[in-house]
Amino acid sequence: MPDIEINASQWRLVEVGRVVLFTHGQYTGRLAVIVEIIDHKRALIDGPSTKENASVPRHAISLSNLIVTPIVIPKLPRAAGRGPVAKAWEKEGVEAKWAESAWAKRREQREKRRGLSDFERFKVLRLRKQVCVILTPYQEMLSKISELNLGQWFPFTEDNELTYPKRQDSRFVRRMRRSALRRKHLEIG
């Protein structure tokens, strides 16, 4: 009988060495690693972070208070002590990986926005509108050029010098020239 190899999915399994994020309780928003699985509802975790107010002492916690992240510390021994866990944490660069992830960036942005005052939220709204006003003509111009395949109407040459198209009377060309000048002035392109 041939040998059968069964591979389980490696994505976000509750396993020893998996990094988790606290969602409830005293340590909300902090990272820790699963050191031992107690039963199907609880795990022993340890968070040896070097950052201030980010470490988590070793304790048992319900898995319903955690979110399992895609970050894993491979080959972490079961029930490893605080020292080996801290060394493996530093070796894998868990905090750097977490800081680079889109998930962490989204959480950080959400926290910043949550802490804004009413006036600061208003300023963000106005800045977003200004960006749209600046970028919309440029996006319209590019979409029209790509739709109509009118490369000869694009007002810049290869060396980024402004040239004028053959037909200067059409409204489309005037809008293109105006948006191109705006883009050149703002150095977006």
Protein backbone atom coordinates (compact mmCIF):
# COMPACT_ATOMS: atom_id res chain seq x y z
CA MET A 1 0.00 0.00 0.00
CA PRO A 2 1.50 3.39 -0.97
CA ASP A 3 2.38 5.96 1.65
CA ILE A 4 -0.19 8.70 1.87
CA GLU A 5 0.89 12.12 2.99
CA ILE A 6 -1.82 14.38 4.36
CA ASN A 7 -1.00 18.07 4.66
CA ALA A 8 -3.34 20.29 6.60
CA SER A 9 -3.81 23.94 5.81
CA GLN A 10 -1.13 26.02 7.53
CA TRP A 11 -3.11 29.24 7.54
CA ARG A 12 -4.10 30.50 10.98
CA LEU A 13 -4.18 27.26 12.89
CA VAL A 14 -4.19 27.34 16.67
CA GLU A 15 -0.76 25.84 17.23
CA VAL A 16 2.27 26.23 19.46
CA GLY A 17 4.30 29.13 18.10
CA ARG A 18 1.37 30.99 16.54
CA VAL A 19 1.28 34.71 17.31
CA VAL A 20 -2.05 35.98 18.58
CA LEU A 21 -3.62 39.39 19.12
CA PHE A 22 -5.73 40.21 22.17
CA THR A 23 -9.22 41.49 21.39
CA HIS A 24 -10.70 41.68 24.89
CA GLY A 25 -9.51 42.21 28.42
CA GLN A 26 -6.62 43.90 30.09
CA TYR A 27 -4.14 43.35 27.23
CA THR A 28 -6.32 44.45 24.29
CA GLY A 29 -4.25 45.21 21.19
CA ARG A 30 -1.09 43.42 22.38
CA LEU A 31 0.70 40.51 20.75
CA ALA A 32 1.58 37.20 22.37
CA VAL A 33 2.56 33.70 21.27
CA ILE A 34 0.84 30.40 22.06
CA VAL A 35 3.22 28.35 24.22
CA GLU A 36 0.92 25.44 25.09
CA ILE A 37 -2.61 24.41 24.16
CA ILE A 38 -4.51 23.51 27.33
CA ASP A 39 -7.75 22.30 25.76
CA HIS A 40 -9.99 23.19 22.81
CA LYS A 41 -10.99 26.51 24.42
CA ARG A 42 -7.89 27.69 26.30
CA ALA A 43 -4.20 28.20 25.64
CA LEU A 44 -1.12 29.20 27.61
CA ILE A 45 0.33 32.37 26.09
CA ASP A 46 3.40 34.51 26.61
CA GLY A 47 4.17 37.95 25.18
CA PRO A 48 7.88 38.80 25.60
CA SER A 49 7.72 42.18 23.86
CA THR A 50 10.59 44.62 24.35
CA LYS A 51 8.35 47.66 23.84
CA GLU A 52 7.05 49.54 26.83
CA ASN A 53 3.46 48.58 27.80
CA ALA A 54 3.39 45.83 25.17
CA SER A 55 4.56 42.74 27.06
CA VAL A 56 2.09 40.13 28.27
CA PRO A 57 2.85 37.89 31.25
CA ARG A 58 2.51 34.14 30.82
CA HIS A 59 -1.03 33.03 31.64
CA ALA A 60 -3.89 30.86 30.43
CA ILE A 61 -6.56 32.58 28.36
CA SER A 62 -9.68 31.67 26.46
CA LEU A 63 -9.23 31.49 22.70
CA SER A 64 -12.40 33.54 22.29
CA ASN A 65 -10.47 36.59 23.57
CA LEU A 66 -7.77 36.24 20.90
CA ILE A 67 -7.40 36.60 17.15
CA VAL A 68 -4.94 34.24 15.50
CA THR A 69 -2.52 36.07 13.17
CA PRO A 70 -0.68 34.61 10.17
CA ILE A 71 2.70 35.07 11.93
CA VAL A 72 4.28 31.87 13.30
CA ILE A 73 7.44 31.20 15.29
CA PRO A 74 8.51 27.89 13.75
CA LYS A 75 9.78 24.97 15.83
CA LEU A 76 8.97 26.58 19.18
CA PRO A 77 9.05 23.75 21.76
CA ARG A 78 5.88 23.07 23.72
CA ALA A 79 5.79 24.76 27.13
CA ALA A 80 9.06 26.57 26.47
CA GLY A 81 10.24 28.90 29.21
CA ARG A 82 10.21 32.67 29.04
CA GLY A 83 13.87 32.89 27.93
CA PRO A 84 13.63 30.61 24.87
CA VAL A 85 10.34 32.25 23.87
CA ALA A 86 11.92 35.71 24.08
CA LYS A 87 14.93 34.58 22.00
CA ALA A 88 12.69 33.03 19.34
CA TRP A 89 10.49 36.17 19.37
CA GLU A 90 13.53 38.38 18.70
CA LYS A 91 15.04 35.98 16.15
CA GLU A 92 11.83 35.91 14.08
CA GLY A 93 11.33 39.68 14.37
CA VAL A 94 7.68 39.30 15.28
CA GLU A 95 7.13 42.95 16.14
CA ALA A 96 8.71 44.12 12.88
CA LYS A 97 6.62 41.67 10.85
CA TRP A 98 3.50 42.82 12.65
CA ALA A 99 4.32 46.51 12.12
CA GLU A 100 4.79 45.91 8.37
CA SER A 101 1.50 44.05 7.97
CA ALA A 102 -1.52 45.77 6.44
CA TRP A 103 -3.59 44.58 9.40
CA ALA A 104 -1.45 46.50 11.90
CA LYS A 105 -1.39 49.60 9.72
CA ARG A 106 -5.18 49.54 9.43
CA ARG A 107 -5.55 49.14 13.20
CA GLU A 108 -3.16 52.02 13.81
CA GLN A 109 -5.01 54.27 11.36
CA ARG A 110 -8.33 53.34 12.95
CA GLU A 111 -6.98 54.21 16.40
CA LYS A 112 -5.66 57.56 15.14
CA ARG A 113 -9.01 58.40 13.57
CA ARG A 114 -10.84 57.36 16.72
CA GLY A 115 -8.79 59.81 18.73
CA LEU A 116 -9.44 62.82 16.48
CA SER A 117 -11.50 65.75 17.65
CA ASP A 118 -14.42 67.08 15.65
CA PHE A 119 -12.31 69.85 14.10
CA GLU A 120 -9.52 67.41 13.17
CA ARG A 121 -12.06 65.13 11.46
CA PHE A 122 -13.31 68.17 9.54
CA LYS A 123 -9.74 68.98 8.43
CA VAL A 124 -9.27 65.39 7.23
CA LEU A 125 -12.51 65.66 5.24
CA ARG A 126 -11.37 68.91 3.60
CA LEU A 127 -7.94 67.50 2.74
CA ARG A 128 -9.49 64.43 1.15
CA LYS A 129 -11.74 66.65 -0.95
CA GLN A 130 -8.76 68.74 -2.05
CA VAL A 131 -6.90 65.61 -3.15
CA CYS A 132 -9.93 64.53 -5.18
CA VAL A 133 -10.18 67.95 -6.84
CA ILE A 134 -6.51 67.84 -7.79
CA LEU A 135 -6.45 64.23 -9.03
CA THR A 136 -9.85 63.90 -10.74
CA PRO A 137 -8.98 65.83 -13.96
CA TYR A 138 -5.77 63.86 -14.31
CA GLN A 139 -7.63 60.57 -13.89
CA GLU A 140 -10.29 61.68 -16.39
CA MET A 141 -7.63 62.62 -18.91
CA LEU A 142 -5.84 59.28 -18.57
CA SER A 143 -9.07 57.31 -18.85
CA LYS A 144 -10.11 59.20 -22.00
CA ILE A 145 -6.70 58.73 -23.58
CA SER A 146 -6.71 55.02 -22.81
CA GLU A 147 -10.31 54.59 -24.02
CA LEU A 148 -9.86 56.49 -27.28
CA ASN A 149 -6.23 55.53 -27.86
CA LEU A 150 -5.33 59.15 -28.52
CA GLY A 151 -1.66 59.08 -27.70
CA GLN A 152 -0.99 61.85 -30.24
CA TRP A 153 -3.15 64.22 -28.20
CA PHE A 154 -1.12 63.85 -25.02
CA PRO A 155 0.50 67.26 -24.47
CA PHE A 156 3.94 66.11 -23.22
CA THR A 157 6.80 64.70 -25.24
CA GLU A 158 9.24 62.05 -24.01
CA ASP A 159 11.56 64.64 -22.45
CA ASN A 160 8.56 66.10 -20.52
CA GLU A 161 8.35 69.27 -22.65
CA LEU A 162 4.91 70.77 -23.13
CA THR A 163 3.69 70.57 -26.74
CA TYR A 164 0.43 71.69 -28.22
CA PRO A 165 -1.85 69.31 -30.08
CA LYS A 166 -2.88 69.86 -33.71
CA ARG A 167 -6.52 70.65 -32.96
CA GLN A 168 -6.64 73.43 -30.41
CA ASP A 169 -10.31 74.24 -30.74
CA SER A 170 -11.91 71.20 -29.09
CA ARG A 171 -13.02 71.36 -25.48
CA PHE A 172 -11.45 67.96 -24.82
CA VAL A 173 -8.01 69.23 -25.84
CA ARG A 174 -8.34 72.37 -23.73
CA ARG A 175 -9.31 70.29 -20.71
CA MET A 176 -6.39 67.94 -21.34
CA ARG A 177 -3.95 70.83 -21.61
CA ARG A 178 -5.31 72.49 -18.48
CA SER A 179 -5.10 69.29 -16.43
CA ALA A 180 -1.62 68.54 -17.79
CA LEU A 181 -0.44 72.01 -16.80
CA ARG A 182 -2.00 71.54 -13.37
CA ARG A 183 -0.27 68.20 -13.06
CA LYS A 184 3.06 69.66 -14.15
CA HIS A 185 2.64 72.56 -11.73
CA LEU A 186 1.88 70.22 -8.81
CA GLU A 187 4.55 67.73 -9.90
CA ILE A 188 2.16 64.81 -9.66
CA GLY A 189 3.15 63.25 -12.97
